[in-house]
Every structure is written in structure tokens, then in C-alpha cells.
Amino acid sequence: MAVVLAAAAFTIGGTAQAEGNAGSGQKKTQMCEGCHGIEGFRTAYPEVYMVPKLGGQSANYIVAALKAYKSGDRNHPSMRAIAGSLSEQDMADLAAYYATAEKAAK
């Protein structure tokens, strides 16, 4: 049983992933909402593009993207700074919130 639980705590990449709490994640969205909370928002820095919608996105995808911004594997100055300030628990909580946010709104 312990082996099964330990195996379940690891992602495909082999690193432990914190379990997210959507309620806690909702309280941590201040930095996200300025861009991702505006439907159809286009950013002008570092170039003009549509800002991705987060509500309903896969929690695993959000965590992976935040980790990639934090490590520098994904390059966006604002996102790198924001992700750099987040703990693994913060990332998991935000991902849990946004993964359920679209569904809860319907």
C-alpha cells in the first residue's frame, strides 16, 4: 500500500507534486486576474498577443507551465517574475482553482 501511495505522489517527470486546494487558490489569484481575468485581453508586453484563458484549463498543465516559467524554460518576463514568487503549493492551489473555475461558473 505504501508503495502505491508513494508512486501516486509522483508525476510523470518523477518529481513530487503538491495536492492543490481550489479554495486556497482562489485567494491567491490577485497577480493572475490583472491579465487572465479579462475576457479577450491582449497584452502589449513583450509583444501583442491574446492572453490565455485559465478557467477550465488542466491543473497539470497549469502547474507544468508555472514551473517552466519559474525555471526559465518558458520565456515571458512578467510570468517568470510571478512564477518565481510562487511556492509549489501556491502553484498547485492556483491550478486546482483554475481547473474548476470554468465548471463552477456554468
PDB file of N, CA and C in Angstrom:
ATOM      1  N   MET A   1       0.818  -1.189   0.000  1.00  0.00           N
ATOM      2  CA  MET A   1       0.000   0.000   0.000  1.00  0.00           C
ATOM      3  C   MET A   1       0.863   1.255   0.000  1.00  0.00           C
ATOM      4  N   ALA A   2       1.919   1.285   0.808  1.00  0.00           N
ATOM      5  CA  ALA A   2       2.795   2.454   0.875  1.00  0.00           C
ATOM      6  C   ALA A   2       3.461   2.721  -0.467  1.00  0.00           C
ATOM      7  N   VAL A   3       3.813   1.636  -1.187  1.00  0.00           N
ATOM      8  CA  VAL A   3       4.443   1.793  -2.490  1.00  0.00           C
ATOM      9  C   VAL A   3       3.467   2.444  -3.469  1.00  0.00           C
ATOM     10  N   VAL A   4       2.214   2.030  -3.423  1.00  0.00           N
ATOM     11  CA  VAL A   4       1.191   2.610  -4.299  1.00  0.00           C
ATOM     12  C   VAL A   4       1.005   4.087  -3.989  1.00  0.00           C
ATOM     13  N   LEU A   5       0.931   4.442  -2.713  1.00  0.00           N
ATOM     14  CA  LEU A   5       0.776   5.847  -2.334  1.00  0.00           C
ATOM     15  C   LEU A   5       1.984   6.671  -2.742  1.00  0.00           C
ATOM     16  N   ALA A   6       3.173   6.134  -2.556  1.00  0.00           N
ATOM     17  CA  ALA A   6       4.377   6.857  -2.953  1.00  0.00           C
ATOM     18  C   ALA A   6       4.411   7.050  -4.460  1.00  0.00           C
ATOM     19  N   ALA A   7       4.038   6.041  -5.205  1.00  0.00           N
ATOM     20  CA  ALA A   7       4.018   6.146  -6.665  1.00  0.00           C
ATOM     21  C   ALA A   7       2.985   7.165  -7.116  1.00  0.00           C
ATOM     22  N   ALA A   8       1.863   7.243  -6.444  1.00  0.00           N
ATOM     23  CA  ALA A   8       0.810   8.190  -6.810  1.00  0.00           C
ATOM     24  C   ALA A   8       1.220   9.632  -6.528  1.00  0.00           C
ATOM     25  N   ALA A   9       2.174   9.830  -5.645  1.00  0.00           N
ATOM     26  CA  ALA A   9       2.611  11.175  -5.297  1.00  0.00           C
ATOM     27  C   ALA A   9       3.584  11.751  -6.311  1.00  0.00           C
ATOM     28  N   PHE A  10       3.981  10.986  -7.295  1.00  0.00           N
ATOM     29  CA  PHE A  10       4.947  11.449  -8.277  1.00  0.00           C
ATOM     30  C   PHE A  10       4.284  11.646  -9.628  1.00  0.00           C
ATOM     31  N   THR A  11       4.726  12.683 -10.315  1.00  0.00           N
ATOM     32  CA  THR A  11       4.225  12.941 -11.656  1.00  0.00           C
ATOM     33  C   THR A  11       5.048  12.136 -12.642  1.00  0.00           C
ATOM     34  N   ILE A  12       4.713  12.227 -13.902  1.00  0.00           N
ATOM     35  CA  ILE A  12       5.438  11.510 -14.944  1.00  0.00           C
ATOM     36  C   ILE A  12       6.910  11.886 -14.935  1.00  0.00           C
ATOM     37  N   GLY A  13       7.217  13.136 -14.648  1.00  0.00           N
ATOM     38  CA  GLY A  13       8.608  13.590 -14.619  1.00  0.00           C
ATOM     39  C   GLY A  13       9.385  13.077 -13.429  1.00  0.00           C
ATOM     40  N   GLY A  14       8.728  12.454 -12.467  1.00  0.00           N
ATOM     41  CA  GLY A  14       9.416  11.862 -11.335  1.00  0.00           C
ATOM     42  C   GLY A  14       9.579  12.793 -10.150  1.00  0.00           C
ATOM     43  N   THR A  15       8.951  13.955 -10.175  1.00  0.00           N
ATOM     44  CA  THR A  15       9.061  14.847  -9.030  1.00  0.00           C
ATOM     45  C   THR A  15       7.719  14.908  -8.326  1.00  0.00           C
ATOM     46  N   ALA A  16       7.765  15.057  -7.028  1.00  0.00           N
ATOM     47  CA  ALA A  16       6.534  15.113  -6.254  1.00  0.00           C
ATOM     48  C   ALA A  16       5.756  16.369  -6.616  1.00  0.00           C
ATOM     49  N   GLN A  17       4.441  16.248  -6.671  1.00  0.00           N
ATOM     50  CA  GLN A  17       3.591  17.398  -6.962  1.00  0.00           C
ATOM     51  C   GLN A  17       2.629  17.575  -5.803  1.00  0.00           C
ATOM     52  N   ALA A  18       2.573  18.788  -5.290  1.00  0.00           N
ATOM     53  CA  ALA A  18       1.678  19.083  -4.179  1.00  0.00           C
ATOM     54  C   ALA A  18       0.231  18.948  -4.627  1.00  0.00           C
ATOM     55  N   GLU A  19      -0.625  18.551  -3.705  1.00  0.00           N
ATOM     56  CA  GLU A  19      -2.053  18.486  -3.997  1.00  0.00           C
ATOM     57  C   GLU A  19      -2.630  19.877  -3.801  1.00  0.00           C
ATOM     58  N   GLY A  20      -3.365  20.351  -4.795  1.00  0.00           N
ATOM     59  CA  GLY A  20      -3.893  21.704  -4.742  1.00  0.00           C
ATOM     60  C   GLY A  20      -5.227  21.813  -4.033  1.00  0.00           C
ATOM     61  N   ASN A  21      -5.470  22.981  -3.458  1.00  0.00           N
ATOM     62  CA  ASN A  21      -6.724  23.301  -2.797  1.00  0.00           C
ATOM     63  C   ASN A  21      -7.341  24.485  -3.538  1.00  0.00           C
ATOM     64  N   ALA A  22      -8.471  24.255  -4.196  1.00  0.00           N
ATOM     65  CA  ALA A  22      -9.108  25.288  -5.016  1.00  0.00           C
ATOM     66  C   ALA A  22      -9.503  26.506  -4.183  1.00  0.00           C
ATOM     67  N   GLY A  23      -9.980  26.318  -2.971  1.00  0.00           N
ATOM     68  CA  GLY A  23     -10.356  27.436  -2.106  1.00  0.00           C
ATOM     69  C   GLY A  23      -9.163  28.314  -1.772  1.00  0.00           C
ATOM     70  N   SER A  24      -8.036  27.686  -1.473  1.00  0.00           N
ATOM     71  CA  SER A  24      -6.813  28.448  -1.209  1.00  0.00           C
ATOM     72  C   SER A  24      -6.335  29.130  -2.484  1.00  0.00           C
ATOM     73  N   GLY A  25      -6.465  28.439  -3.611  1.00  0.00           N
ATOM     74  CA  GLY A  25      -6.044  29.010  -4.885  1.00  0.00           C
ATOM     75  C   GLY A  25      -6.822  30.259  -5.243  1.00  0.00           C
ATOM     76  N   GLN A  26      -8.113  30.261  -4.954  1.00  0.00           N
ATOM     77  CA  GLN A  26      -8.940  31.428  -5.258  1.00  0.00           C
ATOM     78  C   GLN A  26      -8.434  32.663  -4.519  1.00  0.00           C
ATOM     79  N   LYS A  27      -7.892  32.473  -3.334  1.00  0.00           N
ATOM     80  CA  LYS A  27      -7.376  33.590  -2.535  1.00  0.00           C
ATOM     81  C   LYS A  27      -6.017  34.085  -3.037  1.00  0.00           C
ATOM     82  N   LYS A  28      -5.419  33.368  -3.994  1.00  0.00           N
ATOM     83  CA  LYS A  28      -4.080  33.706  -4.485  1.00  0.00           C
ATOM     84  C   LYS A  28      -4.093  34.233  -5.922  1.00  0.00           C
ATOM     85  N   THR A  29      -5.246  34.599  -6.438  1.00  0.00           N
ATOM     86  CA  THR A  29      -5.359  34.956  -7.855  1.00  0.00           C
ATOM     87  C   THR A  29      -5.076  36.418  -8.177  1.00  0.00           C
ATOM     88  N   GLN A  30      -4.736  37.238  -7.198  1.00  0.00           N
ATOM     89  CA  GLN A  30      -4.555  38.669  -7.438  1.00  0.00           C
ATOM     90  C   GLN A  30      -3.592  38.950  -8.591  1.00  0.00           C
ATOM     91  N   MET A  31      -2.469  38.279  -8.630  1.00  0.00           N
ATOM     92  CA  MET A  31      -1.481  38.518  -9.683  1.00  0.00           C
ATOM     93  C   MET A  31      -1.967  38.011 -11.042  1.00  0.00           C
ATOM     94  N   CYS A  32      -2.839  37.042 -11.055  1.00  0.00           N
ATOM     95  CA  CYS A  32      -3.305  36.432 -12.307  1.00  0.00           C
ATOM     96  C   CYS A  32      -4.423  37.231 -12.960  1.00  0.00           C
ATOM     97  N   GLU A  33      -5.311  37.741 -12.137  1.00  0.00           N
ATOM     98  CA  GLU A  33      -6.543  38.363 -12.636  1.00  0.00           C
ATOM     99  C   GLU A  33      -6.308  39.625 -13.452  1.00  0.00           C
ATOM    100  N   GLY A  34      -5.197  40.325 -13.221  1.00  0.00           N
ATOM    101  CA  GLY A  34      -4.922  41.542 -13.966  1.00  0.00           C
ATOM    102  C   GLY A  34      -4.842  41.325 -15.467  1.00  0.00           C
ATOM    103  N   CYS A  35      -4.451  40.134 -15.896  1.00  0.00           N
ATOM    104  CA  CYS A  35      -4.386  39.801 -17.326  1.00  0.00           C
ATOM    105  C   CYS A  35      -5.352  38.673 -17.685  1.00  0.00           C
ATOM    106  N   HIS A  36      -5.300  37.594 -16.921  1.00  0.00           N
ATOM    107  CA  HIS A  36      -6.087  36.406 -17.258  1.00  0.00           C
ATOM    108  C   HIS A  36      -7.552  36.529 -16.877  1.00  0.00           C
ATOM    109  N   GLY A  37      -7.897  37.539 -16.086  1.00  0.00           N
ATOM    110  CA  GLY A  37      -9.281  37.696 -15.653  1.00  0.00           C
ATOM    111  C   GLY A  37     -10.111  38.593 -16.549  1.00  0.00           C
ATOM    112  N   ILE A  38      -9.513  39.080 -17.633  1.00  0.00           N
ATOM    113  CA  ILE A  38     -10.221  39.983 -18.535  1.00  0.00           C
ATOM    114  C   ILE A  38     -10.459  39.248 -19.847  1.00  0.00           C
ATOM    115  N   GLU A  39     -11.714  38.941 -20.136  1.00  0.00           N
ATOM    116  CA  GLU A  39     -12.037  38.189 -21.347  1.00  0.00           C
ATOM    117  C   GLU A  39     -11.593  38.959 -22.590  1.00  0.00           C
ATOM    118  N   GLY A  40     -10.870  38.271 -23.473  1.00  0.00           N
ATOM    119  CA  GLY A  40     -10.405  38.865 -24.721  1.00  0.00           C
ATOM    120  C   GLY A  40      -9.234  39.813 -24.571  1.00  0.00           C
ATOM    121  N   PHE A  41      -8.587  39.853 -23.393  1.00  0.00           N
ATOM    122  CA  PHE A  41      -7.484  40.785 -23.139  1.00  0.00           C
ATOM    123  C   PHE A  41      -6.286  40.482 -24.036  1.00  0.00           C
ATOM    124  N   ARG A  42      -5.702  41.523 -24.567  1.00  0.00           N
ATOM    125  CA  ARG A  42      -4.461  41.420 -25.333  1.00  0.00           C
ATOM    126  C   ARG A  42      -3.397  42.199 -24.572  1.00  0.00           C
ATOM    127  N   THR A  43      -2.247  41.594 -24.426  1.00  0.00           N
ATOM    128  CA  THR A  43      -1.154  42.267 -23.752  1.00  0.00           C
ATOM    129  C   THR A  43      -0.269  42.958 -24.775  1.00  0.00           C
ATOM    130  N   ALA A  44       0.451  43.948 -24.367  1.00  0.00           N
ATOM    131  CA  ALA A  44       1.362  44.653 -25.269  1.00  0.00           C
ATOM    132  C   ALA A  44       2.821  44.432 -24.878  1.00  0.00           C
ATOM    133  N   TYR A  45       3.084  43.582 -23.886  1.00  0.00           N
ATOM    134  CA  TYR A  45       4.457  43.368 -23.443  1.00  0.00           C
ATOM    135  C   TYR A  45       4.731  41.892 -23.239  1.00  0.00           C
ATOM    136  N   PRO A  46       5.742  41.336 -23.780  1.00  0.00           N
ATOM    137  CA  PRO A  46       6.752  41.947 -24.635  1.00  0.00           C
ATOM    138  C   PRO A  46       6.301  42.104 -26.090  1.00  0.00           C
ATOM    139  N   GLU A  47       5.173  41.547 -26.456  1.00  0.00           N
ATOM    140  CA  GLU A  47       4.591  41.741 -27.781  1.00  0.00           C
ATOM    141  C   GLU A  47       3.078  41.608 -27.641  1.00  0.00           C
ATOM    142  N   VAL A  48       2.345  42.001 -28.662  1.00  0.00           N
ATOM    143  CA  VAL A  48       0.883  41.936 -28.591  1.00  0.00           C
ATOM    144  C   VAL A  48       0.419  40.508 -28.888  1.00  0.00           C
ATOM    145  N   TYR A  49      -0.369  39.949 -27.997  1.00  0.00           N
ATOM    146  CA  TYR A  49      -0.966  38.625 -28.196  1.00  0.00           C
ATOM    147  C   TYR A  49      -2.136  38.475 -27.241  1.00  0.00           C
ATOM    148  N   MET A  50      -3.002  37.533 -27.538  1.00  0.00           N
ATOM    149  CA  MET A  50      -4.132  37.223 -26.658  1.00  0.00           C
ATOM    150  C   MET A  50      -3.611  36.534 -25.404  1.00  0.00           C
ATOM    151  N   VAL A  51      -4.088  36.947 -24.269  1.00  0.00           N
ATOM    152  CA  VAL A  51      -3.713  36.308 -23.006  1.00  0.00           C
ATOM    153  C   VAL A  51      -4.547  35.041 -22.862  1.00  0.00           C
ATOM    154  N   PRO A  52      -3.919  33.907 -22.581  1.00  0.00           N
ATOM    155  CA  PRO A  52      -4.672  32.647 -22.474  1.00  0.00           C
ATOM    156  C   PRO A  52      -5.690  32.662 -21.336  1.00  0.00           C
ATOM    157  N   LYS A  53      -6.805  32.034 -21.580  1.00  0.00           N
ATOM    158  CA  LYS A  53      -7.844  31.854 -20.568  1.00  0.00           C
ATOM    159  C   LYS A  53      -7.405  30.717 -19.643  1.00  0.00           C
ATOM    160  N   LEU A  54      -7.524  30.900 -18.351  1.00  0.00           N
ATOM    161  CA  LEU A  54      -7.095  29.868 -17.401  1.00  0.00           C
ATOM    162  C   LEU A  54      -8.249  28.997 -16.905  1.00  0.00           C
ATOM    163  N   GLY A  55      -9.434  29.554 -16.792  1.00  0.00           N
ATOM    164  CA  GLY A  55     -10.577  28.797 -16.281  1.00  0.00           C
ATOM    165  C   GLY A  55     -10.874  27.570 -17.115  1.00  0.00           C
ATOM    166  N   GLY A  56     -10.907  26.410 -16.468  1.00  0.00           N
ATOM    167  CA  GLY A  56     -11.187  25.151 -17.152  1.00  0.00           C
ATOM    168  C   GLY A  56      -9.955  24.461 -17.701  1.00  0.00           C
ATOM    169  N   GLN A  57      -8.797  25.099 -17.604  1.00  0.00           N
ATOM    170  CA  GLN A  57      -7.555  24.501 -18.079  1.00  0.00           C
ATOM    171  C   GLN A  57      -7.146  23.351 -17.152  1.00  0.00           C
ATOM    172  N   SER A  58      -6.440  22.397 -17.656  1.00  0.00           N
ATOM    173  CA  SER A  58      -5.962  21.258 -16.872  1.00  0.00           C
ATOM    174  C   SER A  58      -5.031  21.726 -15.750  1.00  0.00           C
ATOM    175  N   ALA A  59      -5.276  21.241 -14.549  1.00  0.00           N
ATOM    176  CA  ALA A  59      -4.425  21.593 -13.408  1.00  0.00           C
ATOM    177  C   ALA A  59      -2.981  21.173 -13.667  1.00  0.00           C
ATOM    178  N   ASN A  60      -2.776  19.998 -14.221  1.00  0.00           N
ATOM    179  CA  ASN A  60      -1.413  19.535 -14.506  1.00  0.00           C
ATOM    180  C   ASN A  60      -0.708  20.463 -15.482  1.00  0.00           C
ATOM    181  N   TYR A  61      -1.446  20.936 -16.489  1.00  0.00           N
ATOM    182  CA  TYR A  61      -0.865  21.850 -17.466  1.00  0.00           C
ATOM    183  C   TYR A  61      -0.467  23.172 -16.806  1.00  0.00           C
ATOM    184  N   ILE A  62      -1.342  23.706 -15.968  1.00  0.00           N
ATOM    185  CA  ILE A  62      -1.043  24.982 -15.301  1.00  0.00           C
ATOM    186  C   ILE A  62       0.196  24.858 -14.423  1.00  0.00           C
ATOM    187  N   VAL A  63       0.289  23.797 -13.648  1.00  0.00           N
ATOM    188  CA  VAL A  63       1.466  23.589 -12.791  1.00  0.00           C
ATOM    189  C   VAL A  63       2.720  23.463 -13.654  1.00  0.00           C
ATOM    190  N   ALA A  64       2.647  22.672 -14.720  1.00  0.00           N
ATOM    191  CA  ALA A  64       3.817  22.496 -15.594  1.00  0.00           C
ATOM    192  C   ALA A  64       4.235  23.828 -16.220  1.00  0.00           C
ATOM    193  N   ALA A  65       3.268  24.631 -16.653  1.00  0.00           N
ATOM    194  CA  ALA A  65       3.586  25.924 -17.258  1.00  0.00           C
ATOM    195  C   ALA A  65       4.231  26.852 -16.233  1.00  0.00           C
ATOM    196  N   LEU A  66       3.669  26.920 -15.030  1.00  0.00           N
ATOM    197  CA  LEU A  66       4.243  27.779 -13.993  1.00  0.00           C
ATOM    198  C   LEU A  66       5.666  27.355 -13.635  1.00  0.00           C
ATOM    199  N   LYS A  67       5.889  26.048 -13.539  1.00  0.00           N
ATOM    200  CA  LYS A  67       7.240  25.554 -13.246  1.00  0.00           C
ATOM    201  C   LYS A  67       8.205  25.912 -14.373  1.00  0.00           C
ATOM    202  N   ALA A  68       7.730  25.834 -15.614  1.00  0.00           N
ATOM    203  CA  ALA A  68       8.583  26.166 -16.759  1.00  0.00           C
ATOM    204  C   ALA A  68       8.916  27.659 -16.779  1.00  0.00           C
ATOM    205  N   TYR A  69       7.955  28.514 -16.433  1.00  0.00           N
ATOM    206  CA  TYR A  69       8.257  29.943 -16.319  1.00  0.00           C
ATOM    207  C   TYR A  69       9.261  30.188 -15.199  1.00  0.00           C
ATOM    208  N   LYS A  70       9.061  29.533 -14.068  1.00  0.00           N
ATOM    209  CA  LYS A  70       9.949  29.733 -12.916  1.00  0.00           C
ATOM    210  C   LYS A  70      11.380  29.308 -13.239  1.00  0.00           C
ATOM    211  N   SER A  71      11.535  28.206 -13.963  1.00  0.00           N
ATOM    212  CA  SER A  71      12.872  27.701 -14.298  1.00  0.00           C
ATOM    213  C   SER A  71      13.515  28.433 -15.471  1.00  0.00           C
ATOM    214  N   GLY A  72      12.704  29.164 -16.235  1.00  0.00           N
ATOM    215  CA  GLY A  72      13.226  29.850 -17.414  1.00  0.00           C
ATOM    216  C   GLY A  72      13.055  29.056 -18.692  1.00  0.00           C
ATOM    217  N   ASP A  73      12.473  27.850 -18.603  1.00  0.00           N
ATOM    218  CA  ASP A  73      12.231  27.053 -19.802  1.00  0.00           C
ATOM    219  C   ASP A  73      11.184  27.703 -20.707  1.00  0.00           C
ATOM    220  N   ARG A  74      10.260  28.477 -20.113  1.00  0.00           N
ATOM    221  CA  ARG A  74       9.311  29.288 -20.877  1.00  0.00           C
ATOM    222  C   ARG A  74       9.697  30.733 -20.622  1.00  0.00           C
ATOM    223  N   ASN A  75       9.677  31.536 -21.674  1.00  0.00           N
ATOM    224  CA  ASN A  75      10.186  32.892 -21.545  1.00  0.00           C
ATOM    225  C   ASN A  75       9.089  33.934 -21.715  1.00  0.00           C
ATOM    226  N   HIS A  76       8.739  34.558 -20.629  1.00  0.00           N
ATOM    227  CA  HIS A  76       7.878  35.738 -20.615  1.00  0.00           C
ATOM    228  C   HIS A  76       8.248  36.488 -19.347  1.00  0.00           C
ATOM    229  N   PRO A  77       8.744  37.709 -19.470  1.00  0.00           N
ATOM    230  CA  PRO A  77       9.266  38.415 -18.287  1.00  0.00           C
ATOM    231  C   PRO A  77       8.280  38.515 -17.125  1.00  0.00           C
ATOM    232  N   SER A  78       7.044  38.888 -17.402  1.00  0.00           N
ATOM    233  CA  SER A  78       6.068  39.028 -16.309  1.00  0.00           C
ATOM    234  C   SER A  78       5.755  37.683 -15.678  1.00  0.00           C
ATOM    235  N   MET A  79       5.511  36.677 -16.518  1.00  0.00           N
ATOM    236  CA  MET A  79       5.171  35.355 -15.988  1.00  0.00           C
ATOM    237  C   MET A  79       6.353  34.740 -15.238  1.00  0.00           C
ATOM    238  N   ARG A  80       7.560  34.987 -15.706  1.00  0.00           N
ATOM    239  CA  ARG A  80       8.727  34.439 -14.999  1.00  0.00           C
ATOM    240  C   ARG A  80       8.836  35.058 -13.613  1.00  0.00           C
ATOM    241  N   ALA A  81       8.599  36.355 -13.501  1.00  0.00           N
ATOM    242  CA  ALA A  81       8.668  37.022 -12.197  1.00  0.00           C
ATOM    243  C   ALA A  81       7.562  36.525 -11.266  1.00  0.00           C
ATOM    244  N   ILE A  82       6.366  36.393 -11.800  1.00  0.00           N
ATOM    245  CA  ILE A  82       5.241  35.930 -10.974  1.00  0.00           C
ATOM    246  C   ILE A  82       5.461  34.487 -10.540  1.00  0.00           C
ATOM    247  N   ALA A  83       5.794  33.617 -11.486  1.00  0.00           N
ATOM    248  CA  ALA A  83       6.006  32.202 -11.151  1.00  0.00           C
ATOM    249  C   ALA A  83       7.173  32.047 -10.180  1.00  0.00           C
ATOM    250  N   GLY A  84       8.177  32.896 -10.317  1.00  0.00           N
ATOM    251  CA  GLY A  84       9.333  32.848  -9.423  1.00  0.00           C
ATOM    252  C   GLY A  84       8.981  33.134  -7.979  1.00  0.00           C
ATOM    253  N   SER A  85       7.881  33.838  -7.776  1.00  0.00           N
ATOM    254  CA  SER A  85       7.461  34.170  -6.413  1.00  0.00           C
ATOM    255  C   SER A  85       6.554  33.099  -5.799  1.00  0.00           C
ATOM    256  N   LEU A  86       6.169  32.101  -6.586  1.00  0.00           N
ATOM    257  CA  LEU A  86       5.222  31.083  -6.119  1.00  0.00           C
ATOM    258  C   LEU A  86       5.921  29.845  -5.578  1.00  0.00           C
ATOM    259  N   SER A  87       5.379  29.304  -4.501  1.00  0.00           N
ATOM    260  CA  SER A  87       5.854  28.015  -3.991  1.00  0.00           C
ATOM    261  C   SER A  87       5.160  26.908  -4.787  1.00  0.00           C
ATOM    262  N   GLU A  88       5.619  25.694  -4.615  1.00  0.00           N
ATOM    263  CA  GLU A  88       4.968  24.549  -5.274  1.00  0.00           C
ATOM    264  C   GLU A  88       3.511  24.439  -4.816  1.00  0.00           C
ATOM    265  N   GLN A  89       3.254  24.728  -3.539  1.00  0.00           N
ATOM    266  CA  GLN A  89       1.884  24.669  -3.022  1.00  0.00           C
ATOM    267  C   GLN A  89       1.034  25.767  -3.657  1.00  0.00           C
ATOM    268  N   ASP A  90       1.596  26.973  -3.794  1.00  0.00           N
ATOM    269  CA  ASP A  90       0.866  28.054  -4.458  1.00  0.00           C
ATOM    270  C   ASP A  90       0.463  27.634  -5.871  1.00  0.00           C
ATOM    271  N   MET A  91       1.405  27.054  -6.609  1.00  0.00           N
ATOM    272  CA  MET A  91       1.129  26.620  -7.984  1.00  0.00           C
ATOM    273  C   MET A  91       0.019  25.581  -8.015  1.00  0.00           C
ATOM    274  N   ALA A  92       0.093  24.611  -7.114  1.00  0.00           N
ATOM    275  CA  ALA A  92      -0.918  23.559  -7.065  1.00  0.00           C
ATOM    276  C   ALA A  92      -2.288  24.131  -6.702  1.00  0.00           C
ATOM    277  N   ASP A  93      -2.321  25.068  -5.764  1.00  0.00           N
ATOM    278  CA  ASP A  93      -3.585  25.681  -5.351  1.00  0.00           C
ATOM    279  C   ASP A  93      -4.195  26.494  -6.490  1.00  0.00           C
ATOM    280  N   LEU A  94      -3.385  27.310  -7.160  1.00  0.00           N
ATOM    281  CA  LEU A  94      -3.881  28.092  -8.291  1.00  0.00           C
ATOM    282  C   LEU A  94      -4.395  27.179  -9.400  1.00  0.00           C
ATOM    283  N   ALA A  95      -3.644  26.126  -9.676  1.00  0.00           N
ATOM    284  CA  ALA A  95      -4.050  25.180 -10.720  1.00  0.00           C
ATOM    285  C   ALA A  95      -5.368  24.504 -10.359  1.00  0.00           C
ATOM    286  N   ALA A  96      -5.528  24.117  -9.105  1.00  0.00           N
ATOM    287  CA  ALA A  96      -6.778  23.486  -8.665  1.00  0.00           C
ATOM    288  C   ALA A  96      -7.946  24.452  -8.823  1.00  0.00           C
ATOM    289  N   TYR A  97      -7.732  25.712  -8.477  1.00  0.00           N
ATOM    290  CA  TYR A  97      -8.792  26.707  -8.610  1.00  0.00           C
ATOM    291  C   TYR A  97      -9.169  26.904 -10.079  1.00  0.00           C
ATOM    292  N   TYR A  98      -8.183  27.176 -10.931  1.00  0.00           N
ATOM    293  CA  TYR A  98      -8.499  27.457 -12.325  1.00  0.00           C
ATOM    294  C   TYR A  98      -9.037  26.241 -13.064  1.00  0.00           C
ATOM    295  N   ALA A  99      -8.639  25.049 -12.672  1.00  0.00           N
ATOM    296  CA  ALA A  99      -9.163  23.840 -13.311  1.00  0.00           C
ATOM    297  C   ALA A  99     -10.656  23.676 -13.054  1.00  0.00           C
ATOM    298  N   THR A 100     -11.127  24.203 -11.930  1.00  0.00           N
ATOM    299  CA  THR A 100     -12.550  24.075 -11.591  1.00  0.00           C
ATOM    300  C   THR A 100     -13.323  25.377 -11.804  1.00  0.00           C
ATOM    301  N   ALA A 101     -12.640  26.490 -12.067  1.00  0.00           N
ATOM    302  CA  ALA A 101     -13.303  27.797 -12.149  1.00  0.00           C
ATOM    303  C   ALA A 101     -14.322  27.860 -13.288  1.00  0.00           C
ATOM    304  N   GLU A 102     -13.992  27.368 -14.445  1.00  0.00           N
ATOM    305  CA  GLU A 102     -14.904  27.404 -15.594  1.00  0.00           C
ATOM    306  C   GLU A 102     -16.141  26.555 -15.302  1.00  0.00           C
ATOM    307  N   LYS A 103     -15.935  25.395 -14.734  1.00  0.00           N
ATOM    308  CA  LYS A 103     -17.040  24.478 -14.450  1.00  0.00           C
ATOM    309  C   LYS A 103     -17.971  25.056 -13.398  1.00  0.00           C
ATOM    310  N   ALA A 104     -17.396  25.737 -12.412  1.00  0.00           N
ATOM    311  CA  ALA A 104     -18.204  26.305 -11.336  1.00  0.00           C
ATOM    312  C   ALA A 104     -19.063  27.471 -11.829  1.00  0.00           C
ATOM    313  N   ALA A 105     -18.581  28.184 -12.840  1.00  0.00           N
ATOM    314  CA  ALA A 105     -19.298  29.351 -13.360  1.00  0.00           C
ATOM    315  C   ALA A 105     -20.525  28.958 -14.175  1.00  0.00           C
ATOM    316  N   LYS A 106     -20.587  27.739 -14.661  1.00  0.00           N
ATOM    317  CA  LYS A 106     -21.705  27.306 -15.512  1.00  0.00           C
ATOM    318  C   LYS A 106     -22.889  26.855 -14.708  1.00  0.00           C
TER     319      LYS A 106
END
